């Protein structure tokens, strides 16, 4: 099932395979962000973290993911949350058929 991406602030989308290969955990993400249950969502092969209201913490997290070997755009990326309220975006990982 696709994950709804909020327009209120950035959301970080991470490929689950890359997240697990780097041996990351929800607790590791919580070092940079104090998340509610609704701000760390997993569906199939996709992890959505956000909305993230702390820009400095988001940049620290991006740098930490890169230090762990994840590649921006190939393994994760940030959706800005900068679109009109009348537009709903839903994300899902590509399925290999």
PDB file of N, CA and C in Angstrom:
ATOM      1  N   UNK A   1       0.853  -1.181   0.000  1.00  0.00           N
ATOM      2  CA  UNK A   1       0.000   0.000   0.000  1.00  0.00           C
ATOM      3  C   UNK A   1       0.898   1.244   0.000  1.00  0.00           C
ATOM      4  N   UNK A   2       0.631   2.227  -0.831  1.00  0.00           N
ATOM      5  CA  UNK A   2       1.439   3.444  -0.862  1.00  0.00           C
ATOM      6  C   UNK A   2       1.332   4.233   0.433  1.00  0.00           C
ATOM      7  N   UNK A   3       2.395   4.976   0.728  1.00  0.00           N
ATOM      8  CA  UNK A   3       2.447   5.836   1.900  1.00  0.00           C
ATOM      9  C   UNK A   3       2.123   7.261   1.483  1.00  0.00           C
ATOM     10  N   UNK A   4       1.237   7.930   2.209  1.00  0.00           N
ATOM     11  CA  UNK A   4       0.917   9.319   1.912  1.00  0.00           C
ATOM     12  C   UNK A   4       2.077  10.189   2.380  1.00  0.00           C
ATOM     13  N   UNK A   5       2.493  11.109   1.527  1.00  0.00           N
ATOM     14  CA  UNK A   5       3.598  12.009   1.838  1.00  0.00           C
ATOM     15  C   UNK A   5       3.005  13.382   2.156  1.00  0.00           C
ATOM     16  N   UNK A   6       3.209  13.879   3.378  1.00  0.00           N
ATOM     17  CA  UNK A   6       2.613  15.154   3.766  1.00  0.00           C
ATOM     18  C   UNK A   6       3.270  16.346   3.065  1.00  0.00           C
ATOM     19  N   UNK A   7       2.490  17.395   2.863  1.00  0.00           N
ATOM     20  CA  UNK A   7       2.979  18.600   2.200  1.00  0.00           C
ATOM     21  C   UNK A   7       3.485  19.642   3.190  1.00  0.00           C
ATOM     22  N   UNK A   8       3.401  19.356   4.473  1.00  0.00           N
ATOM     23  CA  UNK A   8       3.711  20.366   5.484  1.00  0.00           C
ATOM     24  C   UNK A   8       5.198  20.571   5.735  1.00  0.00           C
ATOM     25  N   UNK A   9       6.025  19.582   5.422  1.00  0.00           N
ATOM     26  CA  UNK A   9       7.469  19.648   5.690  1.00  0.00           C
ATOM     27  C   UNK A   9       8.135  18.501   4.933  1.00  0.00           C
ATOM     28  N   UNK A  10       9.466  18.513   4.843  1.00  0.00           N
ATOM     29  CA  UNK A  10      10.162  17.445   4.112  1.00  0.00           C
ATOM     30  C   UNK A  10       9.922  16.056   4.707  1.00  0.00           C
ATOM     31  N   UNK A  11       9.951  15.078   3.816  1.00  0.00           N
ATOM     32  CA  UNK A  11       9.900  13.666   4.182  1.00  0.00           C
ATOM     33  C   UNK A  11      11.085  12.979   3.530  1.00  0.00           C
ATOM     34  N   UNK A  12      11.772  12.146   4.292  1.00  0.00           N
ATOM     35  CA  UNK A  12      12.901  11.382   3.778  1.00  0.00           C
ATOM     36  C   UNK A  12      12.401   9.993   3.407  1.00  0.00           C
ATOM     37  N   UNK A  13      12.622   9.591   2.162  1.00  0.00           N
ATOM     38  CA  UNK A  13      12.228   8.266   1.691  1.00  0.00           C
ATOM     39  C   UNK A  13      13.490   7.435   1.518  1.00  0.00           C
ATOM     40  N   UNK A  14      13.489   6.239   2.107  1.00  0.00           N
ATOM     41  CA  UNK A  14      14.674   5.379   2.124  1.00  0.00           C
ATOM     42  C   UNK A  14      14.287   3.996   1.617  1.00  0.00           C
ATOM     43  N   UNK A  15      15.099   3.451   0.725  1.00  0.00           N
ATOM     44  CA  UNK A  15      14.890   2.068   0.286  1.00  0.00           C
ATOM     45  C   UNK A  15      15.172   1.145   1.478  1.00  0.00           C
ATOM     46  N   UNK A  16      14.252   0.282   1.769  1.00  0.00           N
ATOM     47  CA  UNK A  16      14.383  -0.607   2.926  1.00  0.00           C
ATOM     48  C   UNK A  16      15.635  -1.484   2.829  1.00  0.00           C
ATOM     49  N   UNK A  17      15.952  -1.971   1.639  1.00  0.00           N
ATOM     50  CA  UNK A  17      17.126  -2.816   1.443  1.00  0.00           C
ATOM     51  C   UNK A  17      18.405  -2.064   1.839  1.00  0.00           C
ATOM     52  N   UNK A  18      18.514  -0.807   1.443  1.00  0.00           N
ATOM     53  CA  UNK A  18      19.691  -0.007   1.782  1.00  0.00           C
ATOM     54  C   UNK A  18      19.746   0.274   3.284  1.00  0.00           C
ATOM     55  N   UNK A  19      18.597   0.559   3.880  1.00  0.00           N
ATOM     56  CA  UNK A  19      18.487   0.817   5.319  1.00  0.00           C
ATOM     57  C   UNK A  19      18.987  -0.397   6.102  1.00  0.00           C
ATOM     58  N   UNK A  20      18.514  -1.580   5.714  1.00  0.00           N
ATOM     59  CA  UNK A  20      18.900  -2.801   6.423  1.00  0.00           C
ATOM     60  C   UNK A  20      20.344  -3.194   6.137  1.00  0.00           C
ATOM     61  N   UNK A  21      20.828  -2.979   4.916  1.00  0.00           N
ATOM     62  CA  UNK A  21      22.213  -3.311   4.572  1.00  0.00           C
ATOM     63  C   UNK A  21      23.194  -2.473   5.388  1.00  0.00           C
ATOM     64  N   UNK A  22      22.804  -1.236   5.701  1.00  0.00           N
ATOM     65  CA  UNK A  22      23.647  -0.364   6.528  1.00  0.00           C
ATOM     66  C   UNK A  22      23.453  -0.642   8.014  1.00  0.00           C
ATOM     67  N   UNK A  23      22.603  -1.608   8.337  1.00  0.00           N
ATOM     68  CA  UNK A  23      22.283  -2.002   9.710  1.00  0.00           C
ATOM     69  C   UNK A  23      21.755  -0.832  10.536  1.00  0.00           C
ATOM     70  N   UNK A  24      20.934  -0.012   9.892  1.00  0.00           N
ATOM     71  CA  UNK A  24      20.295   1.100  10.584  1.00  0.00           C
ATOM     72  C   UNK A  24      19.063   0.602  11.321  1.00  0.00           C
ATOM     73  N   UNK A  25      18.638   1.361  12.298  1.00  0.00           N
ATOM     74  CA  UNK A  25      17.449   1.026  13.071  1.00  0.00           C
ATOM     75  C   UNK A  25      16.626   2.295  13.287  1.00  0.00           C
ATOM     76  N   UNK A  26      15.415   2.090  13.715  1.00  0.00           N
ATOM     77  CA  UNK A  26      14.571   3.234  14.088  1.00  0.00           C
ATOM     78  C   UNK A  26      15.252   4.041  15.181  1.00  0.00           C
ATOM     79  N   UNK A  27      15.893   3.366  16.120  1.00  0.00           N
ATOM     80  CA  UNK A  27      16.591   4.063  17.204  1.00  0.00           C
ATOM     81  C   UNK A  27      17.710   4.956  16.666  1.00  0.00           C
ATOM     82  N   UNK A  28      18.378   4.505  15.608  1.00  0.00           N
ATOM     83  CA  UNK A  28      19.436   5.313  15.008  1.00  0.00           C
ATOM     84  C   UNK A  28      18.850   6.598  14.422  1.00  0.00           C
ATOM     85  N   UNK A  29      17.707   6.500  13.792  1.00  0.00           N
ATOM     86  CA  UNK A  29      17.061   7.687  13.224  1.00  0.00           C
ATOM     87  C   UNK A  29      16.604   8.619  14.341  1.00  0.00           C
ATOM     88  N   UNK A  30      16.150   8.051  15.439  1.00  0.00           N
ATOM     89  CA  UNK A  30      15.696   8.863  16.570  1.00  0.00           C
ATOM     90  C   UNK A  30      16.839   9.640  17.236  1.00  0.00           C
ATOM     91  N   UNK A  31      18.087   9.301  16.950  1.00  0.00           N
ATOM     92  CA  UNK A  31      19.197  10.108  17.474  1.00  0.00           C
ATOM     93  C   UNK A  31      19.155  11.522  16.914  1.00  0.00           C
ATOM     94  N   UNK A  32      18.686  11.654  15.688  1.00  0.00           N
ATOM     95  CA  UNK A  32      18.625  12.969  15.051  1.00  0.00           C
ATOM     96  C   UNK A  32      17.256  13.598  15.157  1.00  0.00           C
ATOM     97  N   UNK A  33      16.246  12.783  15.206  1.00  0.00           N
ATOM     98  CA  UNK A  33      14.875  13.275  15.188  1.00  0.00           C
ATOM     99  C   UNK A  33      14.086  12.612  16.306  1.00  0.00           C
ATOM    100  N   UNK A  34      13.230  13.343  16.934  1.00  0.00           N
ATOM    101  CA  UNK A  34      12.304  12.752  17.894  1.00  0.00           C
ATOM    102  C   UNK A  34      11.020  12.469  17.129  1.00  0.00           C
ATOM    103  N   UNK A  35      10.794  11.202  16.826  1.00  0.00           N
ATOM    104  CA  UNK A  35       9.698  10.832  15.933  1.00  0.00           C
ATOM    105  C   UNK A  35       8.507  10.260  16.686  1.00  0.00           C
ATOM    106  N   UNK A  36       7.351  10.515  16.149  1.00  0.00           N
ATOM    107  CA  UNK A  36       6.152   9.833  16.627  1.00  0.00           C
ATOM    108  C   UNK A  36       6.000   8.562  15.790  1.00  0.00           C
ATOM    109  N   UNK A  37       5.086   7.725  16.170  1.00  0.00           N
ATOM    110  CA  UNK A  37       4.854   6.483  15.419  1.00  0.00           C
ATOM    111  C   UNK A  37       4.454   6.782  13.976  1.00  0.00           C
ATOM    112  N   UNK A  38       3.731   7.860  13.762  1.00  0.00           N
ATOM    113  CA  UNK A  38       3.273   8.220  12.419  1.00  0.00           C
ATOM    114  C   UNK A  38       4.370   8.853  11.568  1.00  0.00           C
ATOM    115  N   UNK A  39       5.509   9.184  12.160  1.00  0.00           N
ATOM    116  CA  UNK A  39       6.585   9.839  11.415  1.00  0.00           C
ATOM    117  C   UNK A  39       7.686   8.869  10.976  1.00  0.00           C
ATOM    118  N   UNK A  40       7.538   7.610  11.289  1.00  0.00           N
ATOM    119  CA  UNK A  40       8.444   6.558  10.800  1.00  0.00           C
ATOM    120  C   UNK A  40       7.555   5.426  10.321  1.00  0.00           C
ATOM    121  N   UNK A  41       7.386   5.352   9.002  1.00  0.00           N
ATOM    122  CA  UNK A  41       6.461   4.378   8.434  1.00  0.00           C
ATOM    123  C   UNK A  41       7.191   3.462   7.468  1.00  0.00           C
ATOM    124  N   UNK A  42       6.837   2.194   7.525  1.00  0.00           N
ATOM    125  CA  UNK A  42       7.430   1.195   6.636  1.00  0.00           C
ATOM    126  C   UNK A  42       6.300   0.506   5.891  1.00  0.00           C
ATOM    127  N   UNK A  43       6.456   0.448   4.588  1.00  0.00           N
ATOM    128  CA  UNK A  43       5.496  -0.266   3.768  1.00  0.00           C
ATOM    129  C   UNK A  43       6.267  -0.958   2.658  1.00  0.00           C
ATOM    130  N   UNK A  44       6.281  -2.273   2.696  1.00  0.00           N
ATOM    131  CA  UNK A  44       7.000  -3.031   1.682  1.00  0.00           C
ATOM    132  C   UNK A  44       8.479  -2.675   1.695  1.00  0.00           C
ATOM    133  N   UNK A  45       8.983  -2.214   0.573  1.00  0.00           N
ATOM    134  CA  UNK A  45      10.398  -1.907   0.432  1.00  0.00           C
ATOM    135  C   UNK A  45      10.709  -0.426   0.613  1.00  0.00           C
ATOM    136  N   UNK A  46       9.819   0.308   1.256  1.00  0.00           N
ATOM    137  CA  UNK A  46       9.999   1.745   1.401  1.00  0.00           C
ATOM    138  C   UNK A  46       9.818   2.176   2.846  1.00  0.00           C
ATOM    139  N   UNK A  47      10.713   3.058   3.294  1.00  0.00           N
ATOM    140  CA  UNK A  47      10.614   3.667   4.612  1.00  0.00           C
ATOM    141  C   UNK A  47      10.409   5.155   4.411  1.00  0.00           C
ATOM    142  N   UNK A  48       9.424   5.729   5.081  1.00  0.00           N
ATOM    143  CA  UNK A  48       9.167   7.169   5.032  1.00  0.00           C
ATOM    144  C   UNK A  48       9.396   7.751   6.414  1.00  0.00           C
ATOM    145  N   UNK A  49      10.269   8.740   6.489  1.00  0.00           N
ATOM    146  CA  UNK A  49      10.573   9.422   7.745  1.00  0.00           C
ATOM    147  C   UNK A  49      10.126  10.871   7.584  1.00  0.00           C
ATOM    148  N   UNK A  50       9.130  11.245   8.343  1.00  0.00           N
ATOM    149  CA  UNK A  50       8.672  12.621   8.275  1.00  0.00           C
ATOM    150  C   UNK A  50       7.174  12.729   8.437  1.00  0.00           C
ATOM    151  N   UNK A  51       6.691  13.948   8.477  1.00  0.00           N
ATOM    152  CA  UNK A  51       7.368  15.169   8.110  1.00  0.00           C
ATOM    153  C   UNK A  51       8.449  15.556   9.130  1.00  0.00           C
ATOM    154  N   UNK A  52       9.500  16.195   8.620  1.00  0.00           N
ATOM    155  CA  UNK A  52      10.633  16.615   9.450  1.00  0.00           C
ATOM    156  C   UNK A  52      10.647  18.137   9.476  1.00  0.00           C
ATOM    157  N   UNK A  53      10.403  18.705  10.650  1.00  0.00           N
ATOM    158  CA  UNK A  53      10.300  20.154  10.791  1.00  0.00           C
ATOM    159  C   UNK A  53      11.626  20.805  11.166  1.00  0.00           C
ATOM    160  N   UNK A  54      12.597  20.036  11.621  1.00  0.00           N
ATOM    161  CA  UNK A  54      13.901  20.562  12.043  1.00  0.00           C
ATOM    162  C   UNK A  54      14.895  20.418  10.897  1.00  0.00           C
ATOM    163  N   UNK A  55      15.132  21.502  10.158  1.00  0.00           N
ATOM    164  CA  UNK A  55      15.987  21.471   8.973  1.00  0.00           C
ATOM    165  C   UNK A  55      17.418  21.064   9.311  1.00  0.00           C
ATOM    166  N   UNK A  56      17.953  21.560  10.429  1.00  0.00           N
ATOM    167  CA  UNK A  56      19.326  21.213  10.817  1.00  0.00           C
ATOM    168  C   UNK A  56      19.437  19.724  11.122  1.00  0.00           C
ATOM    169  N   UNK A  57      18.457  19.171  11.821  1.00  0.00           N
ATOM    170  CA  UNK A  57      18.474  17.739  12.134  1.00  0.00           C
ATOM    171  C   UNK A  57      18.352  16.909  10.868  1.00  0.00           C
ATOM    172  N   UNK A  58      17.547  17.370   9.921  1.00  0.00           N
ATOM    173  CA  UNK A  58      17.411  16.661   8.647  1.00  0.00           C
ATOM    174  C   UNK A  58      18.757  16.618   7.925  1.00  0.00           C
ATOM    175  N   UNK A  59      19.463  17.738   7.874  1.00  0.00           N
ATOM    176  CA  UNK A  59      20.758  17.778   7.198  1.00  0.00           C
ATOM    177  C   UNK A  59      21.786  16.883   7.903  1.00  0.00           C
ATOM    178  N   UNK A  60      21.750  16.842   9.228  1.00  0.00           N
ATOM    179  CA  UNK A  60      22.638  15.938   9.977  1.00  0.00           C
ATOM    180  C   UNK A  60      22.321  14.487   9.664  1.00  0.00           C
ATOM    181  N   UNK A  61      21.051  14.166   9.571  1.00  0.00           N
ATOM    182  CA  UNK A  61      20.642  12.797   9.264  1.00  0.00           C
ATOM    183  C   UNK A  61      21.077  12.405   7.855  1.00  0.00           C
ATOM    184  N   UNK A  62      20.907  13.294   6.897  1.00  0.00           N
ATOM    185  CA  UNK A  62      21.340  13.016   5.527  1.00  0.00           C
ATOM    186  C   UNK A  62      22.842  12.742   5.507  1.00  0.00           C
ATOM    187  N   UNK A  63      23.617  13.575   6.195  1.00  0.00           N
ATOM    188  CA  UNK A  63      25.071  13.375   6.254  1.00  0.00           C
ATOM    189  C   UNK A  63      25.411  12.039   6.913  1.00  0.00           C
ATOM    190  N   UNK A  64      24.680  11.676   7.969  1.00  0.00           N
ATOM    191  CA  UNK A  64      24.931  10.411   8.657  1.00  0.00           C
ATOM    192  C   UNK A  64      24.605   9.217   7.760  1.00  0.00           C
ATOM    193  N   UNK A  65      23.516   9.312   6.995  1.00  0.00           N
ATOM    194  CA  UNK A  65      23.174   8.227   6.075  1.00  0.00           C
ATOM    195  C   UNK A  65      24.272   8.054   5.030  1.00  0.00           C
ATOM    196  N   UNK A  66      24.793   9.156   4.528  1.00  0.00           N
ATOM    197  CA  UNK A  66      25.878   9.081   3.553  1.00  0.00           C
ATOM    198  C   UNK A  66      27.144   8.500   4.176  1.00  0.00           C
ATOM    199  N   UNK A  67      27.425   8.836   5.432  1.00  0.00           N
ATOM    200  CA  UNK A  67      28.573   8.258   6.133  1.00  0.00           C
ATOM    201  C   UNK A  67      28.417   6.751   6.300  1.00  0.00           C
ATOM    202  N   UNK A  68      27.187   6.285   6.384  1.00  0.00           N
ATOM    203  CA  UNK A  68      26.912   4.846   6.512  1.00  0.00           C
ATOM    204  C   UNK A  68      26.967   4.132   5.161  1.00  0.00           C
ATOM    205  N   UNK A  69      27.226   4.890   4.100  1.00  0.00           N
ATOM    206  CA  UNK A  69      27.368   4.288   2.781  1.00  0.00           C
ATOM    207  C   UNK A  69      26.148   4.390   1.888  1.00  0.00           C
ATOM    208  N   UNK A  70      25.064   4.989   2.367  1.00  0.00           N
ATOM    209  CA  UNK A  70      23.897   5.168   1.522  1.00  0.00           C
ATOM    210  C   UNK A  70      24.164   6.300   0.536  1.00  0.00           C
ATOM    211  N   UNK A  71      23.631   6.167  -0.656  1.00  0.00           N
ATOM    212  CA  UNK A  71      23.858   7.138  -1.716  1.00  0.00           C
ATOM    213  C   UNK A  71      22.580   7.940  -1.944  1.00  0.00           C
ATOM    214  N   UNK A  72      22.725   9.289  -1.855  1.00  0.00           N
ATOM    215  CA  UNK A  72      21.574  10.149  -2.075  1.00  0.00           C
ATOM    216  C   UNK A  72      21.018   9.909  -3.477  1.00  0.00           C
ATOM    217  N   UNK A  73      19.761   9.798  -3.577  1.00  0.00           N
ATOM    218  CA  UNK A  73      18.962   9.555  -4.770  1.00  0.00           C
ATOM    219  C   UNK A  73      18.891   8.076  -5.129  1.00  0.00           C
ATOM    220  N   UNK A  74      19.994   7.327  -5.024  1.00  0.00           N
ATOM    221  CA  UNK A  74      19.941   5.887  -5.313  1.00  0.00           C
ATOM    222  C   UNK A  74      19.313   5.109  -4.153  1.00  0.00           C
ATOM    223  N   UNK A  75      19.658   5.477  -2.916  1.00  0.00           N
ATOM    224  CA  UNK A  75      19.176   4.757  -1.735  1.00  0.00           C
ATOM    225  C   UNK A  75      18.147   5.541  -0.925  1.00  0.00           C
ATOM    226  N   UNK A  76      18.208   6.858  -1.002  1.00  0.00           N
ATOM    227  CA  UNK A  76      17.273   7.693  -0.246  1.00  0.00           C
ATOM    228  C   UNK A  76      17.205   9.070  -0.898  1.00  0.00           C
ATOM    229  N   UNK A  77      16.131   9.783  -0.597  1.00  0.00           N
ATOM    230  CA  UNK A  77      16.052  11.183  -1.010  1.00  0.00           C
ATOM    231  C   UNK A  77      14.976  11.885  -0.208  1.00  0.00           C
ATOM    232  N   UNK A  78      14.990  13.199  -0.317  1.00  0.00           N
ATOM    233  CA  UNK A  78      14.079  14.049   0.439  1.00  0.00           C
ATOM    234  C   UNK A  78      13.042  14.654  -0.499  1.00  0.00           C
ATOM    235  N   UNK A  79      11.784  14.481  -0.145  1.00  0.00           N
ATOM    236  CA  UNK A  79      10.718  15.219  -0.812  1.00  0.00           C
ATOM    237  C   UNK A  79      10.478  16.475   0.012  1.00  0.00           C
ATOM    238  N   UNK A  80      10.496  17.620  -0.611  1.00  0.00           N
ATOM    239  CA  UNK A  80      10.508  18.902   0.095  1.00  0.00           C
ATOM    240  C   UNK A  80       9.261  19.184   0.912  1.00  0.00           C
ATOM    241  N   UNK A  81       8.140  18.634   0.535  1.00  0.00           N
ATOM    242  CA  UNK A  81       6.895  19.000   1.203  1.00  0.00           C
ATOM    243  C   UNK A  81       6.381  20.339   0.721  1.00  0.00           C
ATOM    244  N   UNK A  82       6.945  20.827  -0.365  1.00  0.00           N
ATOM    245  CA  UNK A  82       6.591  22.140  -0.884  1.00  0.00           C
ATOM    246  C   UNK A  82       5.710  21.999  -2.128  1.00  0.00           C
ATOM    247  N   UNK A  83       4.455  21.646  -1.907  1.00  0.00           N
ATOM    248  CA  UNK A  83       3.491  21.584  -2.991  1.00  0.00           C
ATOM    249  C   UNK A  83       2.142  22.022  -2.458  1.00  0.00           C
ATOM    250  N   UNK A  84       1.198  22.322  -3.331  1.00  0.00           N
ATOM    251  CA  UNK A  84      -0.081  22.867  -2.883  1.00  0.00           C
ATOM    252  C   UNK A  84      -0.900  21.858  -2.074  1.00  0.00           C
ATOM    253  N   UNK A  85      -1.733  22.387  -1.225  1.00  0.00           N
ATOM    254  CA  UNK A  85      -2.558  21.546  -0.350  1.00  0.00           C
ATOM    255  C   UNK A  85      -3.559  20.704  -1.130  1.00  0.00           C
ATOM    256  N   UNK A  86      -3.887  21.111  -2.342  1.00  0.00           N
ATOM    257  CA  UNK A  86      -4.864  20.355  -3.133  1.00  0.00           C
ATOM    258  C   UNK A  86      -4.253  19.134  -3.803  1.00  0.00           C
ATOM    259  N   UNK A  87      -2.922  18.968  -3.691  1.00  0.00           N
ATOM    260  CA  UNK A  87      -2.248  17.842  -4.322  1.00  0.00           C
ATOM    261  C   UNK A  87      -1.864  16.804  -3.266  1.00  0.00           C
ATOM    262  N   UNK A  88      -2.288  15.570  -3.446  1.00  0.00           N
ATOM    263  CA  UNK A  88      -1.914  14.476  -2.541  1.00  0.00           C
ATOM    264  C   UNK A  88      -0.894  13.596  -3.251  1.00  0.00           C
ATOM    265  N   UNK A  89       0.224  13.330  -2.579  1.00  0.00           N
ATOM    266  CA  UNK A  89       1.251  12.449  -3.136  1.00  0.00           C
ATOM    267  C   UNK A  89       1.331  11.181  -2.309  1.00  0.00           C
ATOM    268  N   UNK A  90       1.452  10.065  -3.002  1.00  0.00           N
ATOM    269  CA  UNK A  90       1.571   8.763  -2.374  1.00  0.00           C
ATOM    270  C   UNK A  90       2.828   8.109  -2.942  1.00  0.00           C
ATOM    271  N   UNK A  91       3.608   7.437  -2.089  1.00  0.00           N
ATOM    272  CA  UNK A  91       4.849   6.815  -2.542  1.00  0.00           C
ATOM    273  C   UNK A  91       4.847   5.326  -2.242  1.00  0.00           C
ATOM    274  N   UNK A  92       5.452   4.585  -3.151  1.00  0.00           N
ATOM    275  CA  UNK A  92       5.650   3.164  -2.966  1.00  0.00           C
ATOM    276  C   UNK A  92       6.934   2.769  -3.695  1.00  0.00           C
ATOM    277  N   UNK A  93       7.575   1.722  -3.256  1.00  0.00           N
ATOM    278  CA  UNK A  93       8.768   1.247  -3.933  1.00  0.00           C
ATOM    279  C   UNK A  93       8.358   0.513  -5.202  1.00  0.00           C
ATOM    280  N   UNK A  94       9.204   0.583  -6.200  1.00  0.00           N
ATOM    281  CA  UNK A  94       8.946  -0.124  -7.452  1.00  0.00           C
ATOM    282  C   UNK A  94       8.944  -1.631  -7.196  1.00  0.00           C
ATOM    283  N   UNK A  95       8.016  -2.283  -7.805  1.00  0.00           N
ATOM    284  CA  UNK A  95       7.941  -3.743  -7.662  1.00  0.00           C
ATOM    285  C   UNK A  95       8.602  -4.396  -8.848  1.00  0.00           C
ATOM    286  N   UNK A  96       9.440  -5.366  -8.575  1.00  0.00           N
ATOM    287  CA  UNK A  96      10.086  -6.128  -9.652  1.00  0.00           C
ATOM    288  C   UNK A  96       9.143  -7.251 -10.058  1.00  0.00           C
ATOM    289  N   UNK A  97       8.614  -7.158 -11.242  1.00  0.00           N
ATOM    290  CA  UNK A  97       7.693  -8.193 -11.740  1.00  0.00           C
ATOM    291  C   UNK A  97       8.359  -9.069 -12.763  1.00  0.00           C
TER     292      UNK A  97
END
